[in-house]
Amino acid sequence: MDVSVVIPTQGQRPALLNQAIRSVWAQKLQPCELIVVVDGGEEVCECVRRDIAAAGLTVHAFVPTGAPAGVSAARNLGVEMASGAVLAF
């Protein structure tokens, strides 16, 4: 089963984002893709990218939205990008 996981975030808590990403990859059923949509921020992307790469994990897309648009807009953007048959948040 192809599962796409979308994590919308404001990027203000990189430690929690790292924990969420690690939790996704710790699941028994592995997703076909993991998409992180950063609502209104880009700076957290680099910090989290380094930590995740060092752990040997993969995020298929880090998507900075630029100006804050809210969690619903971030989630919708992730849904538009997802290719899996099933979505998980």
C-alpha atoms as a PDB file:
ATOM      1  CA  MET A   1       0.000   0.000   0.000  1.00  0.00           C
ATOM      2  CA  ASP A   2       1.434   3.368  -1.016  1.00  0.00           C
ATOM      3  CA  VAL A   3       1.125   5.768   1.915  1.00  0.00           C
ATOM      4  CA  SER A   4       2.109   9.429   1.670  1.00  0.00           C
ATOM      5  CA  VAL A   5       2.776  11.146   4.992  1.00  0.00           C
ATOM      6  CA  VAL A   6       2.360  14.927   5.155  1.00  0.00           C
ATOM      7  CA  ILE A   7       3.700  16.892   8.124  1.00  0.00           C
ATOM      8  CA  PRO A   8       2.604  20.547   8.164  1.00  0.00           C
ATOM      9  CA  THR A   9       4.716  22.675  10.506  1.00  0.00           C
ATOM     10  CA  GLN A  10       5.555  26.279  11.276  1.00  0.00           C
ATOM     11  CA  GLY A  11       9.124  25.236  11.877  1.00  0.00           C
ATOM     12  CA  GLN A  12       9.356  26.894  15.292  1.00  0.00           C
ATOM     13  CA  ARG A  13      10.216  23.645  17.079  1.00  0.00           C
ATOM     14  CA  PRO A  14      12.922  21.795  15.146  1.00  0.00           C
ATOM     15  CA  ALA A  15      13.354  19.187  17.902  1.00  0.00           C
ATOM     16  CA  LEU A  16       9.671  18.207  17.668  1.00  0.00           C
ATOM     17  CA  LEU A  17       9.859  18.104  13.880  1.00  0.00           C
ATOM     18  CA  ASN A  18      12.884  15.801  14.091  1.00  0.00           C
ATOM     19  CA  GLN A  19      10.962  13.585  16.509  1.00  0.00           C
ATOM     20  CA  ALA A  20       7.930  13.483  14.182  1.00  0.00           C
ATOM     21  CA  ILE A  21      10.071  12.543  11.180  1.00  0.00           C
ATOM     22  CA  ARG A  22      11.862   9.808  13.115  1.00  0.00           C
ATOM     23  CA  SER A  23       8.502   8.497  14.321  1.00  0.00           C
ATOM     24  CA  VAL A  24       7.241   8.173  10.744  1.00  0.00           C
ATOM     25  CA  TRP A  25      10.258   6.081   9.750  1.00  0.00           C
ATOM     26  CA  ALA A  26       9.950   3.935  12.895  1.00  0.00           C
ATOM     27  CA  GLN A  27       6.500   2.672  11.835  1.00  0.00           C
ATOM     28  CA  LYS A  28       6.079  -0.928  10.726  1.00  0.00           C
ATOM     29  CA  LEU A  29       4.409   0.177   7.462  1.00  0.00           C
ATOM     30  CA  GLN A  30       6.898   2.450   5.719  1.00  0.00           C
ATOM     31  CA  PRO A  31       5.483   5.346   3.671  1.00  0.00           C
ATOM     32  CA  CYS A  32       6.272   5.708  -0.013  1.00  0.00           C
ATOM     33  CA  GLU A  33       7.050   9.363   0.683  1.00  0.00           C
ATOM     34  CA  LEU A  34       7.312  11.873   3.506  1.00  0.00           C
ATOM     35  CA  ILE A  35       6.488  15.502   2.710  1.00  0.00           C
ATOM     36  CA  VAL A  36       7.211  18.266   5.237  1.00  0.00           C
ATOM     37  CA  VAL A  37       5.499  21.580   4.506  1.00  0.00           C
ATOM     38  CA  VAL A  38       7.076  24.460   6.444  1.00  0.00           C
ATOM     39  CA  ASP A  39       4.452  27.195   6.745  1.00  0.00           C
ATOM     40  CA  GLY A  40       6.106  30.595   6.711  1.00  0.00           C
ATOM     41  CA  GLY A  41       9.705  29.608   7.278  1.00  0.00           C
ATOM     42  CA  GLU A  42      12.773  28.324   5.533  1.00  0.00           C
ATOM     43  CA  GLU A  43      15.460  28.492   8.200  1.00  0.00           C
ATOM     44  CA  VAL A  44      14.321  25.351  10.004  1.00  0.00           C
ATOM     45  CA  CYS A  45      14.605  23.346   6.801  1.00  0.00           C
ATOM     46  CA  GLU A  46      18.405  23.416   6.751  1.00  0.00           C
ATOM     47  CA  CYS A  47      18.737  22.580  10.448  1.00  0.00           C
ATOM     48  CA  VAL A  48      16.311  19.677  10.235  1.00  0.00           C
ATOM     49  CA  ARG A  49      17.711  18.525   6.883  1.00  0.00           C
ATOM     50  CA  ARG A  50      21.185  18.162   8.379  1.00  0.00           C
ATOM     51  CA  ASP A  51      19.934  16.237  11.408  1.00  0.00           C
ATOM     52  CA  ILE A  52      17.777  13.870   9.349  1.00  0.00           C
ATOM     53  CA  ALA A  53      20.513  13.241   6.772  1.00  0.00           C
ATOM     54  CA  ALA A  54      22.974  12.484   9.583  1.00  0.00           C
ATOM     55  CA  ALA A  55      20.523   9.878  10.898  1.00  0.00           C
ATOM     56  CA  GLY A  56      20.300   8.286   7.438  1.00  0.00           C
ATOM     57  CA  LEU A  57      16.581   9.071   7.025  1.00  0.00           C
ATOM     58  CA  THR A  58      14.876  10.520   3.953  1.00  0.00           C
ATOM     59  CA  VAL A  59      12.371  13.331   3.538  1.00  0.00           C
ATOM     60  CA  HIS A  60      11.125  13.393  -0.032  1.00  0.00           C
ATOM     61  CA  ALA A  61      10.238  17.081  -0.009  1.00  0.00           C
ATOM     62  CA  PHE A  62      10.786  20.012   2.315  1.00  0.00           C
ATOM     63  CA  VAL A  63       8.399  22.670   1.050  1.00  0.00           C
ATOM     64  CA  PRO A  64       8.772  26.204   2.410  1.00  0.00           C
ATOM     65  CA  THR A  65       5.605  28.211   1.763  1.00  0.00           C
ATOM     66  CA  GLY A  66       7.207  31.640   2.114  1.00  0.00           C
ATOM     67  CA  ALA A  67       4.604  33.780   3.867  1.00  0.00           C
ATOM     68  CA  PRO A  68       2.585  32.071   6.634  1.00  0.00           C
ATOM     69  CA  ALA A  69      -0.725  30.782   5.266  1.00  0.00           C
ATOM     70  CA  GLY A  70      -1.878  28.574   8.146  1.00  0.00           C
ATOM     71  CA  VAL A  71      -1.924  24.870   8.869  1.00  0.00           C
ATOM     72  CA  SER A  72      -4.824  24.152   6.514  1.00  0.00           C
ATOM     73  CA  ALA A  73      -3.057  25.731   3.540  1.00  0.00           C
ATOM     74  CA  ALA A  74       0.158  23.870   4.416  1.00  0.00           C
ATOM     75  CA  ARG A  75      -1.719  20.574   4.695  1.00  0.00           C
ATOM     76  CA  ASN A  76      -3.512  21.194   1.379  1.00  0.00           C
ATOM     77  CA  LEU A  77      -0.220  21.916  -0.363  1.00  0.00           C
ATOM     78  CA  GLY A  78       1.170  18.631   0.951  1.00  0.00           C
ATOM     79  CA  VAL A  79      -1.923  16.789  -0.279  1.00  0.00           C
ATOM     80  CA  GLU A  80      -1.489  18.293  -3.748  1.00  0.00           C
ATOM     81  CA  MET A  81       2.126  17.053  -3.852  1.00  0.00           C
ATOM     82  CA  ALA A  82       1.396  13.560  -2.514  1.00  0.00           C
ATOM     83  CA  SER A  83       1.421  10.600  -4.878  1.00  0.00           C
ATOM     84  CA  GLY A  84       0.396   7.781  -2.526  1.00  0.00           C
ATOM     85  CA  ALA A  85      -2.991   6.050  -2.624  1.00  0.00           C
ATOM     86  CA  VAL A  86      -3.448   6.769   1.095  1.00  0.00           C
ATOM     87  CA  LEU A  87      -2.665   9.990   2.996  1.00  0.00           C
ATOM     88  CA  ALA A  88      -1.551  10.209   6.595  1.00  0.00           C
ATOM     89  CA  PHE A  89      -0.953  13.340   8.702  1.00  0.00           C
END
